[in-house]
Amino acid sequence: MVLIDPPNAAGHGRLWSHLASDDSYEELHDFARGLGFSLRGFDRDHYDVPAEWYDDVVAAGALPVSSRELVARLIASGLRRRRGQ
C-alpha cells in the first residue's frame, strides 16, 4: 500500500509530506512515476511531497496516515532505511 503522511515537515520555506510504500520500493516508484515525480525526490525510503500536492496524491490513491504510522509500517515491512544505511 502507498502511504502519505500530513504535510508537517518544514524545509526550504515550505511544508512537506512523505510518500512511502509498506509493500515494496517498486510499488512506490511506479506510483510516484505515474504522478510525474522525479527519482530525485526519493530519499532513502520515501519521496518528499510538497504540501500543495498532498490532495492530488491522496486522490491518486495514496492512503493518508499519521507520520508515526507511516514510520511504523515502514519498520514492520523491513523497508525503513535510516541515514547511513
N, C-alpha and C. Protein backbone atom coordinates (compact mmCIF):
# COMPACT_ATOMS: atom_id res chain seq x y z
N MET A 1 0.85 -1.17 0.00
CA MET A 1 0.00 0.00 0.00
C MET A 1 0.90 1.24 0.00
N VAL A 2 0.53 2.23 -0.80
CA VAL A 2 1.24 3.51 -0.81
C VAL A 2 0.61 4.41 0.24
N LEU A 3 1.45 5.00 1.06
CA LEU A 3 1.03 5.81 2.21
C LEU A 3 1.56 7.22 2.09
N ILE A 4 0.83 8.18 2.67
CA ILE A 4 1.31 9.55 2.74
C ILE A 4 0.94 10.12 4.10
N ASP A 5 1.90 10.82 4.70
CA ASP A 5 1.62 11.47 5.99
C ASP A 5 1.26 12.93 5.77
N PRO A 6 0.74 13.61 6.78
CA PRO A 6 0.36 15.01 6.63
C PRO A 6 1.58 15.89 6.33
N PRO A 7 1.37 16.99 5.65
CA PRO A 7 2.48 17.90 5.37
C PRO A 7 2.87 18.67 6.63
N ASN A 8 3.79 18.07 7.40
CA ASN A 8 4.19 18.70 8.66
C ASN A 8 5.70 18.78 8.84
N ALA A 9 6.45 18.45 7.80
CA ALA A 9 7.92 18.55 7.86
C ALA A 9 8.34 19.83 7.15
N ALA A 10 8.95 20.73 7.88
CA ALA A 10 9.36 22.02 7.31
C ALA A 10 10.72 21.89 6.64
N GLY A 11 10.87 22.59 5.53
CA GLY A 11 12.15 22.62 4.83
C GLY A 11 12.07 23.48 3.60
N HIS A 12 13.10 24.25 3.37
CA HIS A 12 13.18 25.10 2.18
C HIS A 12 11.99 26.05 2.05
N GLY A 13 11.52 26.54 3.20
CA GLY A 13 10.45 27.53 3.19
C GLY A 13 9.06 26.99 2.91
N ARG A 14 8.87 25.69 3.03
CA ARG A 14 7.55 25.11 2.79
C ARG A 14 7.37 23.89 3.67
N LEU A 15 6.16 23.30 3.64
CA LEU A 15 5.88 22.08 4.38
C LEU A 15 5.85 20.89 3.42
N TRP A 16 6.24 19.73 3.94
CA TRP A 16 6.36 18.54 3.11
C TRP A 16 5.67 17.34 3.77
N SER A 17 5.17 16.46 2.93
CA SER A 17 4.68 15.14 3.32
C SER A 17 5.72 14.12 2.87
N HIS A 18 5.51 12.90 3.34
CA HIS A 18 6.37 11.80 2.93
C HIS A 18 5.49 10.72 2.30
N LEU A 19 5.89 10.26 1.14
CA LEU A 19 5.18 9.24 0.39
C LEU A 19 6.01 7.96 0.45
N ALA A 20 5.43 6.88 0.93
CA ALA A 20 6.16 5.63 1.10
C ALA A 20 5.25 4.45 0.78
N SER A 21 5.87 3.28 0.67
CA SER A 21 5.12 2.04 0.48
C SER A 21 5.50 1.08 1.59
N ASP A 22 4.51 0.35 2.10
CA ASP A 22 4.80 -0.69 3.08
C ASP A 22 4.85 -2.06 2.40
N ASP A 23 4.90 -2.04 1.06
CA ASP A 23 4.95 -3.28 0.28
C ASP A 23 6.30 -3.43 -0.43
N SER A 24 6.67 -2.43 -1.25
CA SER A 24 7.93 -2.52 -2.00
C SER A 24 8.33 -1.16 -2.53
N TYR A 25 9.62 -1.02 -2.80
CA TYR A 25 10.09 0.20 -3.44
C TYR A 25 9.58 0.28 -4.87
N GLU A 26 9.42 -0.88 -5.51
CA GLU A 26 8.89 -0.90 -6.87
C GLU A 26 7.49 -0.29 -6.91
N GLU A 27 6.63 -0.69 -5.96
CA GLU A 27 5.29 -0.11 -5.89
C GLU A 27 5.37 1.40 -5.71
N LEU A 28 6.23 1.84 -4.83
CA LEU A 28 6.39 3.27 -4.56
C LEU A 28 6.87 4.02 -5.80
N HIS A 29 7.91 3.50 -6.46
CA HIS A 29 8.44 4.18 -7.64
C HIS A 29 7.41 4.22 -8.77
N ASP A 30 6.67 3.13 -8.96
CA ASP A 30 5.63 3.11 -10.01
C ASP A 30 4.56 4.15 -9.73
N PHE A 31 4.12 4.23 -8.47
CA PHE A 31 3.10 5.21 -8.09
C PHE A 31 3.62 6.63 -8.33
N ALA A 32 4.82 6.89 -7.86
CA ALA A 32 5.40 8.23 -7.99
C ALA A 32 5.61 8.59 -9.46
N ARG A 33 6.08 7.65 -10.25
CA ARG A 33 6.29 7.90 -11.67
C ARG A 33 4.97 8.24 -12.36
N GLY A 34 3.90 7.57 -11.95
CA GLY A 34 2.58 7.84 -12.52
C GLY A 34 2.09 9.24 -12.24
N LEU A 35 2.61 9.84 -11.17
CA LEU A 35 2.25 11.22 -10.84
C LEU A 35 3.24 12.23 -11.41
N GLY A 36 4.25 11.73 -12.11
CA GLY A 36 5.25 12.62 -12.71
C GLY A 36 6.36 13.03 -11.77
N PHE A 37 6.52 12.32 -10.65
CA PHE A 37 7.59 12.63 -9.71
C PHE A 37 8.93 12.21 -10.31
N SER A 38 9.94 12.98 -10.02
CA SER A 38 11.30 12.64 -10.41
C SER A 38 11.93 11.75 -9.35
N LEU A 39 12.78 10.84 -9.77
CA LEU A 39 13.51 10.00 -8.83
C LEU A 39 14.38 10.84 -7.89
N ARG A 40 14.68 12.07 -8.30
CA ARG A 40 15.45 12.98 -7.43
C ARG A 40 14.72 13.25 -6.13
N GLY A 41 13.40 13.10 -6.11
CA GLY A 41 12.61 13.34 -4.91
C GLY A 41 12.63 12.17 -3.94
N PHE A 42 13.27 11.05 -4.33
CA PHE A 42 13.34 9.87 -3.48
C PHE A 42 14.48 10.03 -2.48
N ASP A 43 14.18 9.80 -1.21
CA ASP A 43 15.17 9.96 -0.14
C ASP A 43 15.18 8.72 0.74
N ARG A 44 16.06 7.79 0.46
CA ARG A 44 16.27 6.54 1.21
C ARG A 44 15.09 5.57 1.16
N ASP A 45 13.91 6.00 1.64
CA ASP A 45 12.76 5.09 1.70
C ASP A 45 11.44 5.79 1.42
N HIS A 46 11.51 7.03 0.98
CA HIS A 46 10.28 7.81 0.74
C HIS A 46 10.53 8.91 -0.28
N TYR A 47 9.45 9.45 -0.79
CA TYR A 47 9.51 10.65 -1.63
C TYR A 47 9.05 11.82 -0.78
N ASP A 48 9.70 12.95 -0.94
CA ASP A 48 9.24 14.19 -0.32
C ASP A 48 8.21 14.82 -1.24
N VAL A 49 7.06 15.20 -0.66
CA VAL A 49 5.94 15.72 -1.43
C VAL A 49 5.56 17.09 -0.87
N PRO A 50 5.61 18.14 -1.68
CA PRO A 50 5.22 19.47 -1.17
C PRO A 50 3.75 19.49 -0.76
N ALA A 51 3.45 20.28 0.25
CA ALA A 51 2.10 20.35 0.82
C ALA A 51 1.03 20.61 -0.24
N GLU A 52 1.35 21.43 -1.21
CA GLU A 52 0.34 21.78 -2.21
C GLU A 52 -0.01 20.61 -3.14
N TRP A 53 0.74 19.54 -3.11
CA TRP A 53 0.44 18.35 -3.92
C TRP A 53 -0.30 17.28 -3.11
N TYR A 54 -0.41 17.45 -1.81
CA TYR A 54 -0.97 16.43 -0.92
C TYR A 54 -2.34 15.92 -1.40
N ASP A 55 -3.28 16.81 -1.64
CA ASP A 55 -4.64 16.40 -2.04
C ASP A 55 -4.64 15.60 -3.33
N ASP A 56 -3.81 15.98 -4.29
CA ASP A 56 -3.73 15.26 -5.56
C ASP A 56 -3.16 13.85 -5.36
N VAL A 57 -2.19 13.72 -4.47
CA VAL A 57 -1.58 12.41 -4.21
C VAL A 57 -2.59 11.49 -3.53
N VAL A 58 -3.35 12.03 -2.60
CA VAL A 58 -4.40 11.24 -1.94
C VAL A 58 -5.47 10.85 -2.96
N ALA A 59 -5.86 11.79 -3.81
CA ALA A 59 -6.86 11.49 -4.84
C ALA A 59 -6.38 10.40 -5.81
N ALA A 60 -5.07 10.31 -6.01
CA ALA A 60 -4.50 9.30 -6.89
C ALA A 60 -4.43 7.92 -6.24
N GLY A 61 -4.71 7.87 -4.92
CA GLY A 61 -4.78 6.56 -4.28
C GLY A 61 -3.88 6.33 -3.08
N ALA A 62 -3.06 7.30 -2.70
CA ALA A 62 -2.22 7.12 -1.51
C ALA A 62 -3.12 7.17 -0.26
N LEU A 63 -2.84 6.31 0.69
CA LEU A 63 -3.61 6.24 1.93
C LEU A 63 -3.05 7.24 2.94
N PRO A 64 -3.86 8.19 3.40
CA PRO A 64 -3.38 9.14 4.41
C PRO A 64 -3.23 8.44 5.77
N VAL A 65 -2.07 8.59 6.37
CA VAL A 65 -1.78 8.04 7.69
C VAL A 65 -0.99 9.07 8.48
N SER A 66 -0.90 8.88 9.77
CA SER A 66 -0.07 9.78 10.58
C SER A 66 1.40 9.51 10.28
N SER A 67 2.24 10.45 10.63
CA SER A 67 3.68 10.26 10.45
C SER A 67 4.16 9.07 11.25
N ARG A 68 3.66 8.94 12.44
CA ARG A 68 4.04 7.82 13.30
C ARG A 68 3.67 6.48 12.67
N GLU A 69 2.45 6.40 12.12
CA GLU A 69 2.03 5.15 11.48
C GLU A 69 2.86 4.86 10.24
N LEU A 70 3.17 5.88 9.45
CA LEU A 70 3.98 5.68 8.25
C LEU A 70 5.33 5.04 8.63
N VAL A 71 5.99 5.59 9.63
CA VAL A 71 7.29 5.06 10.06
C VAL A 71 7.12 3.64 10.62
N ALA A 72 6.10 3.42 11.42
CA ALA A 72 5.88 2.09 12.00
C ALA A 72 5.65 1.05 10.90
N ARG A 73 4.91 1.41 9.88
CA ARG A 73 4.64 0.46 8.80
C ARG A 73 5.88 0.22 7.95
N LEU A 74 6.72 1.24 7.77
CA LEU A 74 7.99 1.03 7.07
C LEU A 74 8.88 0.07 7.85
N ILE A 75 8.96 0.29 9.16
CA ILE A 75 9.79 -0.59 10.00
C ILE A 75 9.26 -2.02 9.96
N ALA A 76 7.96 -2.18 10.13
CA ALA A 76 7.36 -3.52 10.14
C ALA A 76 7.56 -4.25 8.82
N SER A 77 7.59 -3.52 7.73
CA SER A 77 7.76 -4.13 6.41
C SER A 77 9.22 -4.42 6.07
N GLY A 78 10.14 -3.88 6.86
CA GLY A 78 11.56 -4.04 6.58
C GLY A 78 12.09 -3.07 5.53
N LEU A 79 11.27 -2.08 5.16
CA LEU A 79 11.67 -1.13 4.12
C LEU A 79 12.24 0.18 4.68
N ARG A 80 12.30 0.33 5.99
CA ARG A 80 12.82 1.57 6.60
C ARG A 80 14.33 1.61 6.41
N ARG A 81 14.83 2.71 5.87
CA ARG A 81 16.26 2.94 5.71
C ARG A 81 16.64 4.22 6.45
N ARG A 82 17.44 4.08 7.45
CA ARG A 82 17.91 5.27 8.19
C ARG A 82 19.15 5.83 7.49
N ARG A 83 19.50 7.05 7.85
CA ARG A 83 20.72 7.65 7.29
C ARG A 83 21.89 6.73 7.50
N GLY A 84 22.73 6.63 6.50
CA GLY A 84 23.93 5.79 6.59
C GLY A 84 23.71 4.34 6.23
N GLN A 85 22.48 3.95 5.96
CA GLN A 85 22.22 2.55 5.57
C GLN A 85 22.31 2.38 4.08
